[in-house]
Amino acid sequence: SSSSSSSSSNNSENTAPPSLLEAMMLPGVSSYAVTYACVKTVDSSMFFWIVFYMTEGLKFSESSATLLAMAYDAAQVLGSLLSGKVSDHLGSRPPVFFVMLLAACFCSMSIVAVSTWQALLPVIFSIGFTTGGPCMLMHTAVAADVGARGHRGATSAIVGIVDGAGSVAAAIGQAIIGYVSQSYGWNAVFMILTGVLAAAVAMAGSIWMMERAEAQKRIFLRASNKSSSANSNCRRQQSRHEANTSLDSSGNAPLLKSSSLEKQV
């Protein structure tokens, strides 16, 4: 009864909701919050400003600009589906985020080099595809994964922290883009977005390395536990064998003595 009460108390401690500061200090929460803030800034900038850029900067018609914006949204849906499937198959999400965000950096740099509708369509589609997966998964599935590993009662708090960091960064980014586009032009805007994506790539790579180190540590601990249990079993068997040997020797001694007495008689 005491063991059951202690286990129930431990479970209640693990599932009790932590404070906001405690949730922010959990492993991986701050890293994912910064990464999602960068990705959300780029995603919101492309969503709100791409039509204005094409109509005012490239002098496209509103219908053409709207079709390209629809391509961006459709690519985000496909990117989120594919990245979720691949990350579930691999059992890890950071490597998928790292590869997709690295590809998004190159796509963002190349957008300033094209000016026709035919050339801009695959570039915008690629940006939406490569940013859609990380943007959709970081504040939902990833937050739930981090909460399950670190603290079961902190899942909702982690979702709020990651999503809130992305919303604040996106709001600040829109004000910066409006000022930069009017003062320095659209090339400067896309260079800034490329730099933000590069920061997201660096953060995703650090999260990937951290998770790899944790996985290797778990493998090492599992192997050491197996070896220690095997050694303890060997010592236990050896002690049993020594005990049986000592019992056999002590039990045969009286028999040898009695047999010698019979020979004397």
Protein backbone atom coordinates (compact mmCIF):
# COMPACT_ATOMS: atom_id res chain seq x y z
CA SER A 1 0.00 0.00 0.00
CA SER A 2 2.89 2.32 0.82
CA SER A 3 4.52 1.62 -2.56
CA SER A 4 1.27 2.33 -4.40
CA SER A 5 0.79 5.58 -2.50
CA SER A 6 4.38 6.64 -3.28
CA SER A 7 3.95 5.83 -6.98
CA SER A 8 0.69 7.76 -7.12
CA SER A 9 2.36 10.73 -5.43
CA ASN A 10 5.21 10.59 -7.97
CA ASN A 11 2.73 10.50 -10.85
CA SER A 12 0.86 13.47 -9.43
CA GLU A 13 4.15 15.36 -9.18
CA ASN A 14 5.03 14.55 -12.81
CA THR A 15 1.62 15.55 -14.11
CA ALA A 16 1.17 18.69 -12.00
CA PRO A 17 1.19 21.82 -14.18
CA PRO A 18 4.41 23.81 -13.75
CA SER A 19 4.78 27.54 -13.68
CA LEU A 20 5.53 29.47 -16.85
CA LEU A 21 9.18 29.96 -15.89
CA GLU A 22 9.58 26.26 -15.11
CA ALA A 23 8.07 25.34 -18.48
CA MET A 24 10.45 27.71 -20.26
CA MET A 25 13.42 26.07 -18.51
CA LEU A 26 12.53 22.58 -19.73
CA PRO A 27 15.05 21.11 -22.22
CA GLY A 28 14.34 22.15 -25.80
CA VAL A 29 11.57 24.66 -25.09
CA SER A 30 13.59 27.85 -25.54
CA SER A 31 15.40 26.46 -28.60
CA TYR A 32 12.18 25.53 -30.33
CA ALA A 33 10.61 28.87 -29.36
CA VAL A 34 13.45 30.82 -31.01
CA THR A 35 13.39 28.57 -34.09
CA TYR A 36 9.64 28.90 -34.48
CA ALA A 37 9.88 32.68 -34.02
CA CYS A 38 12.25 32.87 -37.00
CA VAL A 39 10.16 30.57 -39.19
CA LYS A 40 6.90 32.28 -38.26
CA THR A 41 8.38 35.67 -39.14
CA VAL A 42 9.28 34.48 -42.64
CA ASP A 43 5.96 32.71 -43.10
CA SER A 44 3.89 35.73 -42.06
CA SER A 45 6.01 38.05 -44.18
CA MET A 46 5.50 35.93 -47.27
CA PHE A 47 1.80 35.53 -46.55
CA PHE A 48 1.04 39.22 -46.03
CA TRP A 49 3.54 40.91 -48.34
CA ILE A 50 4.00 38.65 -51.36
CA VAL A 51 0.96 40.00 -53.21
CA PHE A 52 1.96 43.59 -52.50
CA TYR A 53 5.51 42.85 -53.67
CA MET A 54 4.33 41.38 -56.96
CA THR A 55 1.78 44.10 -57.70
CA GLU A 56 3.87 47.09 -56.60
CA GLY A 57 7.40 45.87 -57.07
CA LEU A 58 7.07 43.63 -60.14
CA LYS A 59 3.94 45.30 -61.60
CA PHE A 60 2.00 42.05 -61.86
CA SER A 61 -1.76 42.09 -62.22
CA GLU A 62 -3.78 41.32 -59.12
CA SER A 63 -5.05 38.05 -60.61
CA SER A 64 -1.53 36.81 -61.32
CA ALA A 65 -0.32 37.83 -57.89
CA THR A 66 -3.29 36.09 -56.27
CA LEU A 67 -2.57 32.86 -58.14
CA LEU A 68 1.02 32.91 -56.94
CA ALA A 69 -0.15 33.51 -53.37
CA MET A 70 -2.48 30.51 -53.70
CA ALA A 71 0.47 28.43 -54.87
CA TYR A 72 2.34 29.45 -51.73
CA ASP A 73 -0.55 28.35 -49.49
CA ALA A 74 -0.97 25.03 -51.33
CA ALA A 75 2.77 24.35 -51.04
CA GLN A 76 2.60 24.91 -47.29
CA VAL A 77 -0.09 22.26 -46.94
CA LEU A 78 1.93 19.75 -48.96
CA GLY A 79 5.10 20.59 -47.06
CA SER A 80 3.46 20.06 -43.68
CA LEU A 81 2.02 16.70 -44.77
CA LEU A 82 5.33 15.45 -46.15
CA SER A 83 7.45 16.68 -43.26
CA GLY A 84 5.08 15.11 -40.74
CA LYS A 85 5.15 11.78 -42.56
CA VAL A 86 8.93 11.75 -42.93
CA SER A 87 9.57 12.83 -39.33
CA ASP A 88 7.23 10.12 -38.03
CA HIS A 89 9.06 7.56 -40.17
CA LEU A 90 12.47 8.69 -38.94
CA GLY A 91 11.33 9.06 -35.34
CA SER A 92 12.95 12.52 -35.16
CA ARG A 93 11.85 15.95 -36.37
CA PRO A 94 14.97 18.20 -36.12
CA PRO A 95 16.79 16.66 -39.13
CA VAL A 96 13.71 17.23 -41.29
CA PHE A 97 13.47 20.82 -40.11
CA PHE A 98 17.17 21.40 -40.74
CA VAL A 99 17.06 20.15 -44.34
CA MET A 100 13.85 21.99 -45.22
CA LEU A 101 14.92 25.30 -43.70
CA LEU A 102 18.31 25.08 -45.39
CA ALA A 103 16.53 24.66 -48.73
CA ALA A 104 14.27 27.60 -47.85
CA CYS A 105 17.35 29.80 -47.41
CA PHE A 106 18.49 29.18 -50.97
CA CYS A 107 14.97 29.72 -52.32
CA SER A 108 14.67 33.01 -50.45
CA MET A 109 17.96 34.22 -51.88
CA SER A 110 16.94 33.30 -55.43
CA ILE A 111 13.62 35.17 -55.34
CA VAL A 112 15.37 38.48 -56.01
CA ALA A 113 16.94 37.09 -59.19
CA VAL A 114 13.64 36.30 -60.97
CA SER A 115 11.05 38.75 -62.23
CA THR A 116 8.72 36.78 -64.53
CA TRP A 117 5.58 34.96 -63.51
CA GLN A 118 6.82 31.63 -64.91
CA ALA A 119 10.11 31.81 -63.02
CA LEU A 120 8.58 33.15 -59.82
CA LEU A 121 6.00 30.35 -59.52
CA PRO A 122 8.43 27.49 -58.69
CA VAL A 123 10.43 29.74 -56.36
CA ILE A 124 7.41 30.81 -54.32
CA PHE A 125 6.08 27.24 -54.32
CA SER A 126 9.45 26.01 -53.01
CA ILE A 127 9.52 28.61 -50.24
CA GLY A 128 6.01 27.65 -49.14
CA PHE A 129 6.86 23.95 -49.29
CA THR A 130 10.06 24.22 -47.26
CA THR A 131 8.72 26.59 -44.61
CA GLY A 132 5.25 25.07 -44.28
CA GLY A 133 6.36 21.84 -42.62
CA PRO A 134 8.46 23.37 -39.84
CA CYS A 135 5.96 26.18 -39.28
CA MET A 136 2.99 23.85 -38.92
CA LEU A 137 4.70 21.21 -36.78
CA MET A 138 6.79 23.23 -34.35
CA HIS A 139 3.97 24.71 -32.30
CA THR A 140 1.86 21.52 -32.30
CA ALA A 141 3.56 18.14 -32.62
CA VAL A 142 7.00 19.28 -31.48
CA ALA A 143 5.60 21.09 -28.46
CA ALA A 144 3.68 17.95 -27.50
CA ASP A 145 6.83 15.83 -27.95
CA VAL A 146 8.91 18.12 -25.75
CA GLY A 147 6.20 18.15 -23.11
CA ALA A 148 5.93 14.36 -23.12
CA ARG A 149 9.68 13.99 -22.64
CA GLY A 150 10.16 16.72 -20.08
CA HIS A 151 6.94 17.17 -18.10
CA ARG A 152 3.56 15.69 -18.91
CA GLY A 153 1.68 18.51 -17.27
CA ALA A 154 3.54 21.17 -19.23
CA THR A 155 2.32 20.34 -22.75
CA SER A 156 -0.21 23.17 -22.96
CA ALA A 157 2.24 25.65 -21.45
CA ILE A 158 4.91 24.66 -23.99
CA VAL A 159 2.47 25.08 -26.87
CA GLY A 160 1.60 28.55 -25.58
CA ILE A 161 5.26 29.53 -25.15
CA VAL A 162 6.29 28.39 -28.63
CA ASP A 163 3.22 29.83 -30.34
CA GLY A 164 3.46 33.09 -28.40
CA ALA A 165 7.11 33.55 -29.32
CA GLY A 166 6.24 33.07 -32.99
CA SER A 167 3.33 35.52 -32.87
CA VAL A 168 5.36 38.26 -31.17
CA ALA A 169 8.27 37.84 -33.58
CA ALA A 170 5.95 37.84 -36.59
CA ALA A 171 4.26 41.07 -35.44
CA ILE A 172 7.59 42.82 -34.99
CA GLY A 173 8.79 41.48 -38.33
CA GLN A 174 5.87 42.97 -40.23
CA ALA A 175 6.66 46.44 -38.94
CA ILE A 176 10.32 46.03 -39.89
CA ILE A 177 9.47 44.80 -43.38
CA GLY A 178 7.15 47.72 -44.01
CA TYR A 179 9.89 50.18 -43.08
CA VAL A 180 12.69 48.36 -44.95
CA SER A 181 10.66 47.94 -48.14
CA GLN A 182 9.96 51.67 -48.33
CA SER A 183 13.43 52.82 -47.29
CA TYR A 184 15.79 50.27 -48.85
CA GLY A 185 13.76 48.27 -51.38
CA TRP A 186 12.57 44.70 -51.69
CA ASN A 187 16.00 43.20 -52.21
CA ALA A 188 16.90 44.25 -48.68
CA VAL A 189 13.66 42.70 -47.42
CA PHE A 190 14.46 39.29 -48.89
CA MET A 191 18.03 39.47 -47.65
CA ILE A 192 16.69 40.04 -44.14
CA LEU A 193 14.31 37.10 -44.51
CA THR A 194 17.20 34.95 -45.71
CA GLY A 195 19.19 35.93 -42.64
CA VAL A 196 16.26 35.04 -40.38
CA LEU A 197 16.00 31.64 -42.09
CA ALA A 198 19.75 31.13 -41.62
CA ALA A 199 19.27 31.72 -37.88
CA ALA A 200 16.46 29.15 -37.91
CA VAL A 201 18.77 26.67 -39.69
CA ALA A 202 21.45 27.20 -37.03
CA MET A 203 18.94 26.64 -34.23
CA ALA A 204 17.50 23.53 -35.90
CA GLY A 205 21.01 22.14 -36.33
CA SER A 206 21.80 22.73 -32.66
CA ILE A 207 18.56 21.00 -31.63
CA TRP A 208 19.45 18.09 -33.91
CA MET A 209 22.92 17.75 -32.37
CA MET A 210 21.49 17.97 -28.87
CA GLU A 211 18.96 15.23 -29.54
CA ARG A 212 21.64 13.03 -31.10
CA ALA A 213 23.81 13.47 -28.00
CA GLU A 214 20.87 12.56 -25.77
CA ALA A 215 20.12 9.47 -27.89
CA GLN A 216 23.74 8.32 -27.72
CA LYS A 217 23.72 8.89 -23.97
CA ARG A 218 20.59 6.75 -23.61
CA ILE A 219 22.19 4.00 -25.71
CA PHE A 220 25.34 4.10 -23.57
CA LEU A 221 23.34 3.95 -20.33
CA ARG A 222 21.26 1.07 -21.67
CA ALA A 223 24.39 -0.86 -22.64
CA SER A 224 26.05 -0.18 -19.29
CA ASN A 225 22.92 -1.34 -17.45
CA LYS A 226 22.87 -4.55 -19.48
CA SER A 227 26.55 -5.21 -18.79
CA SER A 228 26.14 -4.51 -15.07
CA SER A 229 23.13 -6.83 -14.87
CA ALA A 230 25.06 -9.52 -16.74
CA ASN A 231 28.01 -9.16 -14.34
CA SER A 232 25.71 -9.35 -11.34
CA ASN A 233 24.12 -12.51 -12.74
CA CYS A 234 27.57 -14.05 -13.26
CA ARG A 235 28.59 -13.19 -9.70
CA ARG A 236 25.31 -14.61 -8.39
CA GLN A 237 25.80 -17.86 -10.27
CA GLN A 238 29.40 -18.10 -9.11
CA SER A 239 28.37 -17.62 -5.49
CA ARG A 240 25.69 -20.30 -5.86
CA HIS A 241 28.25 -22.67 -7.36
CA GLU A 242 30.67 -22.04 -4.49
CA ALA A 243 27.88 -22.59 -1.98
CA ASN A 244 26.90 -25.90 -3.60
CA THR A 245 30.53 -27.01 -3.68
CA SER A 246 31.00 -26.26 0.00
CA LEU A 247 27.81 -28.18 0.89
CA ASP A 248 28.93 -31.19 -1.13
CA SER A 249 32.34 -31.26 0.55
CA SER A 250 30.87 -30.99 4.06
CA GLY A 251 28.31 -33.71 3.33
CA ASN A 252 30.86 -36.26 2.03
CA ALA A 253 33.20 -35.92 5.02
CA PRO A 254 31.10 -38.10 7.42
CA LEU A 255 30.69 -40.77 4.78
CA LEU A 256 34.45 -41.09 4.29
CA LYS A 257 35.00 -41.33 8.05
CA SER A 258 32.40 -44.09 8.50
CA SER A 259 33.84 -46.11 5.64
CA SER A 260 37.32 -46.06 7.25
CA LEU A 261 35.92 -47.31 10.55
CA GLU A 262 34.26 -50.26 8.82
CA LYS A 263 37.58 -51.27 7.25
CA GLN A 264 39.26 -51.26 10.70
CA VAL A 265 36.55 -53.54 12.11
